[in-house]
C-alpha atoms as a PDB file:
ATOM      1  CA  MET A   1      97.659 125.292  91.508  1.00  0.00           C
ATOM      2  CA  ASN A   2      96.242 124.650  88.047  1.00  0.00           C
ATOM      3  CA  ILE A   3      93.429 122.119  87.900  1.00  0.00           C
ATOM      4  CA  SER A   4      92.700 120.726  84.429  1.00  0.00           C
ATOM      5  CA  ILE A   5      89.251 119.537  83.603  1.00  0.00           C
ATOM      6  CA  GLN A   6      90.735 117.006  81.200  1.00  0.00           C
ATOM      7  CA  ASP A   7      93.014 115.593  83.932  1.00  0.00           C
ATOM      8  CA  ILE A   8      90.027 115.345  86.355  1.00  0.00           C
ATOM      9  CA  ILE A   9      88.020 113.468  83.613  1.00  0.00           C
ATOM     10  CA  SER A  10      90.928 111.168  82.932  1.00  0.00           C
ATOM     11  CA  VAL A  11      91.539 110.435  86.647  1.00  0.00           C
ATOM     12  CA  THR A  12      87.752 109.884  87.203  1.00  0.00           C
ATOM     13  CA  MET A  13      87.471 107.557  84.271  1.00  0.00           C
ATOM     14  CA  ILE A  14      90.551 105.489  85.281  1.00  0.00           C
ATOM     15  CA  LEU A  15      89.244 105.095  88.814  1.00  0.00           C
ATOM     16  CA  PHE A  16      85.785 104.315  87.516  1.00  0.00           C
ATOM     17  CA  ALA A  17      87.103 101.530  85.425  1.00  0.00           C
ATOM     18  CA  VAL A  18      89.141 100.071  88.232  1.00  0.00           C
ATOM     19  CA  ILE A  19      86.442 100.463  90.916  1.00  0.00           C
ATOM     20  CA  ASP A  20      83.905  98.936  88.423  1.00  0.00           C
ATOM     21  CA  ILE A  21      80.865  99.515  90.672  1.00  0.00           C
ATOM     22  CA  ILE A  22      78.524  98.447  87.799  1.00  0.00           C
ATOM     23  CA  GLY A  23      80.421  95.129  87.353  1.00  0.00           C
ATOM     24  CA  SER A  24      80.264  94.659  91.124  1.00  0.00           C
ATOM     25  CA  LEU A  25      76.454  94.708  91.187  1.00  0.00           C
ATOM     26  CA  PRO A  26      76.083  90.978  91.381  1.00  0.00           C
ATOM     27  CA  VAL A  27      78.448  90.697  94.363  1.00  0.00           C
ATOM     28  CA  ILE A  28      76.686  93.613  96.103  1.00  0.00           C
ATOM     29  CA  ILE A  29      73.265  92.089  95.599  1.00  0.00           C
ATOM     30  CA  GLU A  30      74.527  88.704  96.754  1.00  0.00           C
ATOM     31  CA  THR A  31      76.066  90.187  99.878  1.00  0.00           C
ATOM     32  CA  ARG A  32      72.957  92.159 100.582  1.00  0.00           C
ATOM     33  CA  ASN A  33      70.783  89.084 100.171  1.00  0.00           C
ATOM     34  CA  ARG A  34      73.008  87.172 102.542  1.00  0.00           C
ATOM     35  CA  VAL A  35      73.347  89.759 105.340  1.00  0.00           C
ATOM     36  CA  GLY A  36      70.126  91.624 104.878  1.00  0.00           C
ATOM     37  CA  VAL A  37      71.226  95.201 104.239  1.00  0.00           C
ATOM     38  CA  ILE A  38      74.084  97.157 102.835  1.00  0.00           C
ATOM     39  CA  HIS A  39      74.544 100.559 104.364  1.00  0.00           C
ATOM     40  CA  SER A  40      75.360 102.765 101.409  1.00  0.00           C
ATOM     41  CA  GLU A  41      76.550 105.693 103.489  1.00  0.00           C
ATOM     42  CA  LYS A  42      78.864 103.498 105.519  1.00  0.00           C
ATOM     43  CA  ALA A  43      80.264 101.615 102.583  1.00  0.00           C
ATOM     44  CA  THR A  44      80.842 104.881 100.581  1.00  0.00           C
ATOM     45  CA  LEU A  45      82.414 106.681 103.556  1.00  0.00           C
ATOM     46  CA  ALA A  46      84.618 103.767 104.335  1.00  0.00           C
ATOM     47  CA  SER A  47      85.710 103.463 100.704  1.00  0.00           C
ATOM     48  CA  LEU A  48      86.463 107.217 100.564  1.00  0.00           C
ATOM     49  CA  VAL A  49      88.522 107.122 103.791  1.00  0.00           C
ATOM     50  CA  ILE A  50      90.415 104.015 102.659  1.00  0.00           C
ATOM     51  CA  MET A  51      91.273 105.646  99.268  1.00  0.00           C
ATOM     52  CA  VAL A  52      92.245 109.009 100.669  1.00  0.00           C
ATOM     53  CA  LEU A  53      94.409 107.459 103.371  1.00  0.00           C
ATOM     54  CA  PHE A  54      95.994 105.122 100.884  1.00  0.00           C
ATOM     55  CA  LEU A  55      96.688 108.052  98.501  1.00  0.00           C
ATOM     56  CA  PHE A  56      98.625 109.771 101.227  1.00  0.00           C
ATOM     57  CA  LEU A  57     100.059 106.982 103.319  1.00  0.00           C
ATOM     58  CA  GLY A  58      99.815 103.867 101.271  1.00  0.00           C
ATOM     59  CA  GLU A  59     103.389 103.337 100.171  1.00  0.00           C
ATOM     60  CA  SER A  60     104.729 104.516 103.558  1.00  0.00           C
ATOM     61  CA  ILE A  61     102.486 102.079 105.470  1.00  0.00           C
ATOM     62  CA  LEU A  62     103.418  99.178 103.186  1.00  0.00           C
ATOM     63  CA  LYS A  63     107.050 100.026 103.484  1.00  0.00           C
ATOM     64  CA  LEU A  64     106.815 100.332 107.245  1.00  0.00           C
ATOM     65  CA  ILE A  65     105.397  96.786 107.624  1.00  0.00           C
ATOM     66  CA  GLY A  66     107.729  95.462 104.978  1.00  0.00           C
ATOM     67  CA  ILE A  67     105.217  94.779 102.235  1.00  0.00           C
ATOM     68  CA  ASP A  68     105.827  95.823  98.772  1.00  0.00           C
ATOM     69  CA  VAL A  69     102.906  97.046  96.452  1.00  0.00           C
ATOM     70  CA  SER A  70     103.181  93.808  94.367  1.00  0.00           C
ATOM     71  CA  SER A  71     102.676  91.605  97.389  1.00  0.00           C
ATOM     72  CA  PHE A  72      99.717  93.696  98.507  1.00  0.00           C
ATOM     73  CA  ALA A  73      98.149  93.451  95.088  1.00  0.00           C
ATOM     74  CA  ILE A  74      98.719  89.687  94.945  1.00  0.00           C
ATOM     75  CA  ALA A  75      96.921  89.251  98.325  1.00  0.00           C
ATOM     76  CA  GLY A  76      94.117  91.438  97.024  1.00  0.00           C
ATOM     77  CA  SER A  77      93.877  89.411  93.823  1.00  0.00           C
ATOM     78  CA  LEU A  78      93.396  86.199  95.866  1.00  0.00           C
ATOM     79  CA  VAL A  79      90.458  87.790  97.769  1.00  0.00           C
ATOM     80  CA  ILE A  80      88.921  88.849  94.393  1.00  0.00           C
ATOM     81  CA  PHE A  81      89.514  85.389  92.997  1.00  0.00           C
ATOM     82  CA  PHE A  82      87.576  83.771  95.858  1.00  0.00           C
ATOM     83  CA  LEU A  83      84.713  86.225  95.516  1.00  0.00           C
ATOM     84  CA  ALA A  84      84.602  85.319  91.841  1.00  0.00           C
ATOM     85  CA  LEU A  85      84.454  81.550  92.662  1.00  0.00           C
ATOM     86  CA  GLU A  86      81.505  82.148  94.857  1.00  0.00           C
ATOM     87  CA  MET A  87      79.782  84.006  92.001  1.00  0.00           C
ATOM     88  CA  ILE A  88      80.532  81.387  89.354  1.00  0.00           C
ATOM     89  CA  LEU A  89      79.996  78.220  91.350  1.00  0.00           C
ATOM     90  CA  GLY A  90      77.186  79.415  93.558  1.00  0.00           C
ATOM     91  CA  ILE A  91      79.069  78.397  96.677  1.00  0.00           C
ATOM     92  CA  ARG A  92      79.808  80.405  99.781  1.00  0.00           C
ATOM     93  CA  LEU A  93      83.402  80.720 101.003  1.00  0.00           C
ATOM     94  CA  TYR A  94      83.092  84.073 102.734  1.00  0.00           C
ATOM     95  CA  ARG A  95      81.290  83.746 105.991  1.00  0.00           C
ATOM     96  CA  ASP A  96      80.628  86.867 108.072  1.00  0.00           C
ATOM     97  CA  ASP A  97      79.733  86.204 111.713  1.00  0.00           C
ATOM     98  CA  ILE A  98      78.818  89.935 112.058  1.00  0.00           C
ATOM     99  CA  PRO A  99      76.492  90.976 109.138  1.00  0.00           C
ATOM    100  CA  GLU A 100      76.815  94.660 110.154  1.00  0.00           C
ATOM    101  CA  THR A 101      80.352  94.683 108.871  1.00  0.00           C
ATOM    102  CA  ALA A 102      79.313  93.566 105.411  1.00  0.00           C
ATOM    103  CA  SER A 103      79.177  97.162 104.244  1.00  0.00           C
ATOM    104  CA  ILE A 104      82.809  97.401 105.060  1.00  0.00           C
ATOM    105  CA  VAL A 105      84.095  93.922 104.136  1.00  0.00           C
ATOM    106  CA  PRO A 106      83.711  92.880 101.399  1.00  0.00           C
ATOM    107  CA  ILE A 107      81.878  95.891  99.917  1.00  0.00           C
ATOM    108  CA  ALA A 108      84.119  98.836 100.799  1.00  0.00           C
ATOM    109  CA  PHE A 109      87.284  96.601 100.841  1.00  0.00           C
ATOM    110  CA  PRO A 110      88.186  94.878  98.675  1.00  0.00           C
ATOM    111  CA  LEU A 111      85.338  95.457  96.192  1.00  0.00           C
ATOM    112  CA  ILE A 112      85.357  99.204  95.931  1.00  0.00           C
ATOM    113  CA  ALA A 113      88.582 100.323  97.523  1.00  0.00           C
ATOM    114  CA  GLY A 114      90.524  97.159  96.734  1.00  0.00           C
ATOM    115  CA  THR A 115      94.144  96.564  95.818  1.00  0.00           C
ATOM    116  CA  GLY A 116      93.505  97.332  92.199  1.00  0.00           C
ATOM    117  CA  THR A 117      92.135 100.804  93.276  1.00  0.00           C
ATOM    118  CA  MET A 118      95.020 101.280  95.786  1.00  0.00           C
ATOM    119  CA  THR A 119      97.762 100.449  93.334  1.00  0.00           C
ATOM    120  CA  THR A 120      96.030 102.710  90.758  1.00  0.00           C
ATOM    121  CA  LEU A 121      96.166 105.500  93.147  1.00  0.00           C
ATOM    122  CA  ILE A 122      99.877 105.100  93.688  1.00  0.00           C
ATOM    123  CA  SER A 123     100.300 105.077  89.922  1.00  0.00           C
ATOM    124  CA  LEU A 124      98.149 108.238  89.482  1.00  0.00           C
ATOM    125  CA  ARG A 125     100.250 110.080  92.027  1.00  0.00           C
ATOM    126  CA  ALA A 126     103.212 109.786  89.627  1.00  0.00           C
ATOM    127  CA  GLN A 127     101.198 111.425  86.843  1.00  0.00           C
ATOM    128  CA  TYR A 128      98.614 113.797  88.470  1.00  0.00           C
ATOM    129  CA  ASP A 129      98.448 116.318  91.340  1.00  0.00           C
ATOM    130  CA  ILE A 130      96.786 115.403  94.578  1.00  0.00           C
ATOM    131  CA  PRO A 131      93.748 117.792  94.177  1.00  0.00           C
ATOM    132  CA  THR A 132      92.951 116.315  90.772  1.00  0.00           C
ATOM    133  CA  ILE A 133      93.049 112.744  92.226  1.00  0.00           C
ATOM    134  CA  LEU A 134      90.911 113.820  95.193  1.00  0.00           C
ATOM    135  CA  ILE A 135      88.361 115.214  92.859  1.00  0.00           C
ATOM    136  CA  GLY A 136      88.350 112.036  90.800  1.00  0.00           C
ATOM    137  CA  ILE A 137      87.886 109.990  94.024  1.00  0.00           C
ATOM    138  CA  ALA A 138      85.017 112.155  95.168  1.00  0.00           C
ATOM    139  CA  LEU A 139      83.194 111.998  91.863  1.00  0.00           C
ATOM    140  CA  ASN A 140      83.493 108.142  91.888  1.00  0.00           C
ATOM    141  CA  MET A 141      82.207 108.044  95.436  1.00  0.00           C
ATOM    142  CA  ILE A 142      79.105 109.908  94.369  1.00  0.00           C
ATOM    143  CA  VAL A 143      78.480 107.200  91.643  1.00  0.00           C
ATOM    144  CA  VAL A 144      79.165 104.443  94.160  1.00  0.00           C
ATOM    145  CA  TYR A 145      76.699 105.999  96.618  1.00  0.00           C
ATOM    146  CA  VAL A 146      73.958 106.351  93.957  1.00  0.00           C
ATOM    147  CA  VAL A 147      74.485 102.716  92.762  1.00  0.00           C
ATOM    148  CA  LEU A 148      74.437 101.364  96.405  1.00  0.00           C
ATOM    149  CA  ARG A 149      71.234 103.365  97.138  1.00  0.00           C
ATOM    150  CA  MET A 150      69.612 102.047  93.996  1.00  0.00           C
ATOM    151  CA  ILE A 151      70.503  98.348  94.557  1.00  0.00           C
ATOM    152  CA  ALA A 152      66.884  97.287  95.312  1.00  0.00           C
ATOM    153  CA  PRO A 153      65.378  98.892  92.224  1.00  0.00           C
ATOM    154  CA  LEU A 154      68.320  97.550  90.114  1.00  0.00           C
ATOM    155  CA  GLU A 155      67.773  94.060  91.567  1.00  0.00           C
ATOM    156  CA  LYS A 156      64.002  94.262  90.820  1.00  0.00           C
ATOM    157  CA  ALA A 157      64.618  95.431  87.240  1.00  0.00           C
ATOM    158  CA  LEU A 158      67.114  92.708  86.557  1.00  0.00           C
ATOM    159  CA  GLY A 159      65.022  89.909  88.099  1.00  0.00           C
ATOM    160  CA  LYS A 160      66.385  86.603  89.502  1.00  0.00           C
ATOM    161  CA  ALA A 161      67.360  85.143  86.047  1.00  0.00           C
ATOM    162  CA  GLY A 162      69.051  88.497  85.028  1.00  0.00           C
ATOM    163  CA  ILE A 163      70.963  88.626  88.336  1.00  0.00           C
ATOM    164  CA  SER A 164      72.010  84.942  87.956  1.00  0.00           C
ATOM    165  CA  ILE A 165      73.425  85.542  84.476  1.00  0.00           C
ATOM    166  CA  ILE A 166      75.072  88.776  85.397  1.00  0.00           C
ATOM    167  CA  ARG A 167      76.619  87.073  88.486  1.00  0.00           C
ATOM    168  CA  LYS A 168      78.101  84.303  86.466  1.00  0.00           C
ATOM    169  CA  VAL A 169      79.334  86.530  83.613  1.00  0.00           C
ATOM    170  CA  PHE A 170      80.873  89.032  85.968  1.00  0.00           C
ATOM    171  CA  GLY A 171      82.224  86.303  88.139  1.00  0.00           C
ATOM    172  CA  VAL A 172      84.292  85.150  85.116  1.00  0.00           C
ATOM    173  CA  VAL A 173      85.217  88.782  84.549  1.00  0.00           C
ATOM    174  CA  LEU A 174      86.162  89.263  88.178  1.00  0.00           C
ATOM    175  CA  MET A 175      88.221  86.125  88.048  1.00  0.00           C
ATOM    176  CA  ALA A 176      90.052  87.320  84.940  1.00  0.00           C
ATOM    177  CA  ILE A 177      90.855  90.632  86.787  1.00  0.00           C
ATOM    178  CA  ALA A 178      92.133  88.688  89.691  1.00  0.00           C
ATOM    179  CA  VAL A 179      94.332  86.546  87.470  1.00  0.00           C
ATOM    180  CA  LYS A 180      95.684  89.564  85.682  1.00  0.00           C
ATOM    181  CA  LEU A 181      96.403  91.358  88.851  1.00  0.00           C
ATOM    182  CA  PHE A 182      98.078  88.255  90.133  1.00  0.00           C
ATOM    183  CA  ARG A 183     100.181  87.786  86.913  1.00  0.00           C
ATOM    184  CA  THR A 184     101.151  91.395  86.641  1.00  0.00           C
ATOM    185  CA  ASN A 185     102.382  91.596  90.150  1.00  0.00           C
ATOM    186  CA  ALA A 186     103.960  88.143  90.330  1.00  0.00           C
ATOM    187  CA  GLY A 187     105.935  88.795  87.150  1.00  0.00           C
ATOM    188  CA  ILE A 188     104.475  85.746  85.367  1.00  0.00           C
END
Protein backbone atom coordinates (compact mmCIF):
# COMPACT_ATOMS: atom_id res chain seq x y z
CA MET A 1 0.00 0.00 0.00
CA ASN A 2 1.49 3.30 -1.11
CA ILE A 3 -0.10 6.35 0.51
CA SER A 4 0.64 9.61 -1.26
CA ILE A 5 0.68 12.85 0.76
CA GLN A 6 -0.44 14.71 -2.37
CA ASP A 7 -3.44 12.37 -2.76
CA ILE A 8 -4.33 12.83 0.93
CA ILE A 9 -4.19 16.61 0.50
CA SER A 10 -6.33 16.41 -2.66
CA VAL A 11 -8.98 14.19 -1.04
CA THR A 12 -8.99 16.32 2.12
CA MET A 13 -9.43 19.56 0.16
CA ILE A 14 -12.17 18.10 -2.07
CA LEU A 15 -14.10 16.90 0.98
CA PHE A 16 -13.46 20.19 2.81
CA ALA A 17 -14.99 22.12 -0.11
CA VAL A 18 -18.01 19.81 -0.28
CA ILE A 19 -18.60 19.63 3.48
CA ASP A 20 -18.17 23.43 3.68
CA ILE A 21 -18.26 23.61 7.48
CA ILE A 22 -17.35 27.32 7.42
CA GLY A 23 -20.21 28.09 5.04
CA SER A 24 -22.51 26.09 7.29
CA LEU A 25 -21.85 28.30 10.33
CA PRO A 26 -25.09 30.28 9.99
CA VAL A 27 -27.18 27.09 9.82
CA ILE A 28 -25.34 25.60 12.79
CA ILE A 29 -25.73 28.78 14.85
CA GLU A 30 -29.41 29.06 13.91
CA THR A 31 -30.01 25.42 14.83
CA ARG A 32 -28.17 25.80 18.12
CA ASN A 33 -30.18 28.92 18.97
CA ARG A 34 -33.38 27.08 18.16
CA VAL A 35 -32.69 23.87 20.11
CA GLY A 36 -30.33 25.11 22.80
CA VAL A 37 -27.21 23.03 22.22
CA ILE A 38 -25.31 21.22 19.49
CA HIS A 39 -23.34 18.25 20.75
CA SER A 40 -20.12 18.58 18.77
CA GLU A 41 -18.91 15.08 19.67
CA LYS A 42 -22.21 13.48 18.69
CA ALA A 43 -22.48 15.44 15.42
CA THR A 44 -18.86 14.71 14.46
CA LEU A 45 -19.10 11.01 15.31
CA ALA A 46 -22.42 10.64 13.48
CA SER A 47 -20.96 12.39 10.42
CA LEU A 48 -17.89 10.16 10.52
CA VAL A 49 -19.98 6.98 10.79
CA ILE A 50 -22.32 8.08 7.99
CA MET A 51 -19.40 8.90 5.67
CA VAL A 52 -17.42 5.72 6.38
CA LEU A 53 -20.50 3.51 6.03
CA PHE A 54 -21.47 5.23 2.81
CA LEU A 55 -17.91 4.92 1.50
CA PHE A 56 -18.09 1.15 1.87
CA LEU A 57 -21.80 0.40 1.49
CA GLY A 58 -23.40 3.43 -0.19
CA GLU A 59 -23.84 2.22 -3.73
CA SER A 60 -24.86 -1.26 -2.55
CA ILE A 61 -27.49 0.10 -0.15
CA LEU A 62 -28.91 2.43 -2.77
CA LYS A 63 -29.05 -0.39 -5.35
CA LEU A 64 -30.63 -2.72 -2.79
CA ILE A 65 -33.53 -0.33 -2.18
CA GLY A 66 -33.75 0.58 -5.86
CA ILE A 67 -32.48 4.15 -5.65
CA ASP A 68 -29.84 5.46 -7.98
CA VAL A 69 -27.20 7.95 -6.82
CA SER A 70 -28.84 10.75 -8.84
CA SER A 71 -32.21 10.31 -7.14
CA PHE A 72 -30.49 10.30 -3.75
CA ALA A 73 -28.64 13.50 -4.66
CA ILE A 74 -31.85 15.18 -5.87
CA ALA A 75 -33.60 14.33 -2.58
CA GLY A 76 -30.68 15.80 -0.66
CA SER A 77 -30.70 18.90 -2.83
CA LEU A 78 -34.33 19.52 -1.84
CA VAL A 79 -33.46 19.30 1.87
CA ILE A 80 -30.59 21.74 1.33
CA PHE A 81 -32.90 24.02 -0.68
CA PHE A 82 -35.40 24.23 2.19
CA LEU A 83 -32.61 24.92 4.70
CA ALA A 84 -31.49 27.76 2.41
CA LEU A 85 -35.04 29.14 2.26
CA GLU A 86 -35.12 29.26 6.05
CA MET A 87 -31.85 31.19 6.08
CA ILE A 88 -32.79 33.70 3.39
CA LEU A 89 -36.39 34.38 4.34
CA GLY A 90 -36.04 34.05 8.11
CA ILE A 91 -38.82 31.49 8.22
CA ARG A 92 -38.92 28.13 9.96
CA LEU A 93 -39.82 25.08 7.91
CA TYR A 94 -37.85 22.47 9.84
CA ARG A 95 -39.48 21.68 13.14
CA ASP A 96 -37.77 19.24 15.45
CA ASP A 97 -39.98 17.82 18.17
CA ILE A 98 -36.92 16.27 19.84
CA PRO A 99 -34.19 18.93 20.17
CA GLU A 100 -31.68 16.28 21.27
CA THR A 101 -31.62 14.95 17.70
CA ALA A 102 -30.59 18.29 16.16
CA SER A 103 -26.93 17.29 16.41
CA ILE A 104 -27.74 14.44 14.04
CA VAL A 105 -30.47 16.00 11.83
CA PRO A 106 -29.86 18.53 10.28
CA ILE A 107 -26.24 19.03 11.46
CA ALA A 108 -24.60 15.63 10.84
CA PHE A 109 -27.03 14.84 8.01
CA PRO A 110 -27.60 16.51 5.59
CA LEU A 111 -25.33 19.47 6.46
CA ILE A 112 -21.99 17.75 7.06
CA ALA A 113 -22.48 14.25 5.67
CA GLY A 114 -25.07 15.16 3.09
CA THR A 115 -25.76 13.91 -0.38
CA GLY A 116 -23.05 16.10 -1.87
CA THR A 117 -20.51 14.52 0.46
CA MET A 118 -21.85 11.04 -0.19
CA THR A 119 -21.83 11.34 -3.96
CA THR A 120 -18.33 12.83 -3.72
CA LEU A 121 -17.21 9.79 -1.72
CA ILE A 122 -18.49 7.49 -4.47
CA SER A 123 -16.59 9.57 -7.04
CA LEU A 124 -13.41 9.55 -4.93
CA ARG A 125 -13.50 5.75 -4.74
CA ALA A 126 -13.02 5.63 -8.49
CA GLN A 127 -9.86 7.73 -8.27
CA TYR A 128 -8.22 7.13 -4.85
CA ASP A 129 -7.58 4.16 -2.59
CA ILE A 130 -9.68 3.58 0.54
CA PRO A 131 -6.95 4.43 3.14
CA THR A 132 -6.36 7.80 1.45
CA ILE A 133 -10.08 8.60 1.51
CA LEU A 134 -10.37 7.50 5.15
CA ILE A 135 -7.49 9.80 6.12
CA GLY A 136 -9.18 12.67 4.23
CA ILE A 137 -12.44 11.98 6.07
CA ALA A 138 -10.65 11.87 9.43
CA LEU A 139 -8.84 15.16 8.82
CA ASN A 140 -12.11 16.83 7.86
CA MET A 141 -13.83 15.48 10.96
CA ILE A 142 -11.13 17.09 13.10
CA VAL A 143 -11.88 20.46 11.45
CA VAL A 144 -15.64 19.90 11.85
CA TYR A 145 -15.21 19.07 15.53
CA VAL A 146 -13.09 22.17 16.19
CA VAL A 147 -15.58 24.44 14.40
CA LEU A 148 -18.53 22.92 16.28
CA ARG A 149 -16.70 23.32 19.61
CA MET A 150 -15.89 26.96 18.78
CA ILE A 151 -19.43 27.90 17.68
CA ALA A 152 -20.15 30.12 20.72
CA PRO A 153 -16.95 32.22 20.39
CA LEU A 154 -17.49 32.43 16.62
CA GLU A 155 -21.05 33.63 17.15
CA LYS A 156 -19.87 36.20 19.71
CA ALA A 157 -17.13 37.46 17.38
CA LEU A 158 -19.54 37.83 14.46
CA GLY A 159 -22.34 39.47 16.46
CA LYS A 160 -26.04 39.46 15.57
CA ALA A 161 -25.62 41.69 12.50
CA GLY A 162 -22.68 39.65 11.21
CA ILE A 163 -24.56 36.40 11.68
CA SER A 164 -27.63 37.82 9.93
CA ILE A 165 -25.57 38.96 6.96
CA ILE A 166 -23.65 35.68 6.75
CA ARG A 167 -26.89 33.70 7.11
CA LYS A 168 -28.51 35.48 4.18
CA VAL A 169 -25.40 35.39 1.97
CA PHE A 170 -24.69 31.73 2.69
CA GLY A 171 -28.39 31.00 2.33
CA VAL A 172 -28.15 32.16 -1.27
CA VAL A 173 -24.92 30.18 -1.73
CA LEU A 174 -26.54 27.10 -0.17
CA MET A 175 -29.55 27.54 -2.45
CA ALA A 176 -27.24 27.77 -5.48
CA ILE A 177 -25.50 24.56 -4.37
CA ALA A 178 -28.90 22.87 -4.01
CA VAL A 179 -29.97 24.02 -7.49
CA LYS A 180 -26.66 22.88 -9.01
CA LEU A 181 -26.92 19.50 -7.28
CA PHE A 182 -30.49 19.18 -8.54
CA ARG A 183 -29.66 20.23 -12.12
CA THR A 184 -26.60 18.00 -12.34
CA ASN A 185 -28.48 14.94 -11.17
CA ALA A 186 -31.73 15.68 -12.98
CA GLY A 187 -29.87 16.14 -16.26
CA ILE A 188 -31.27 19.63 -16.78
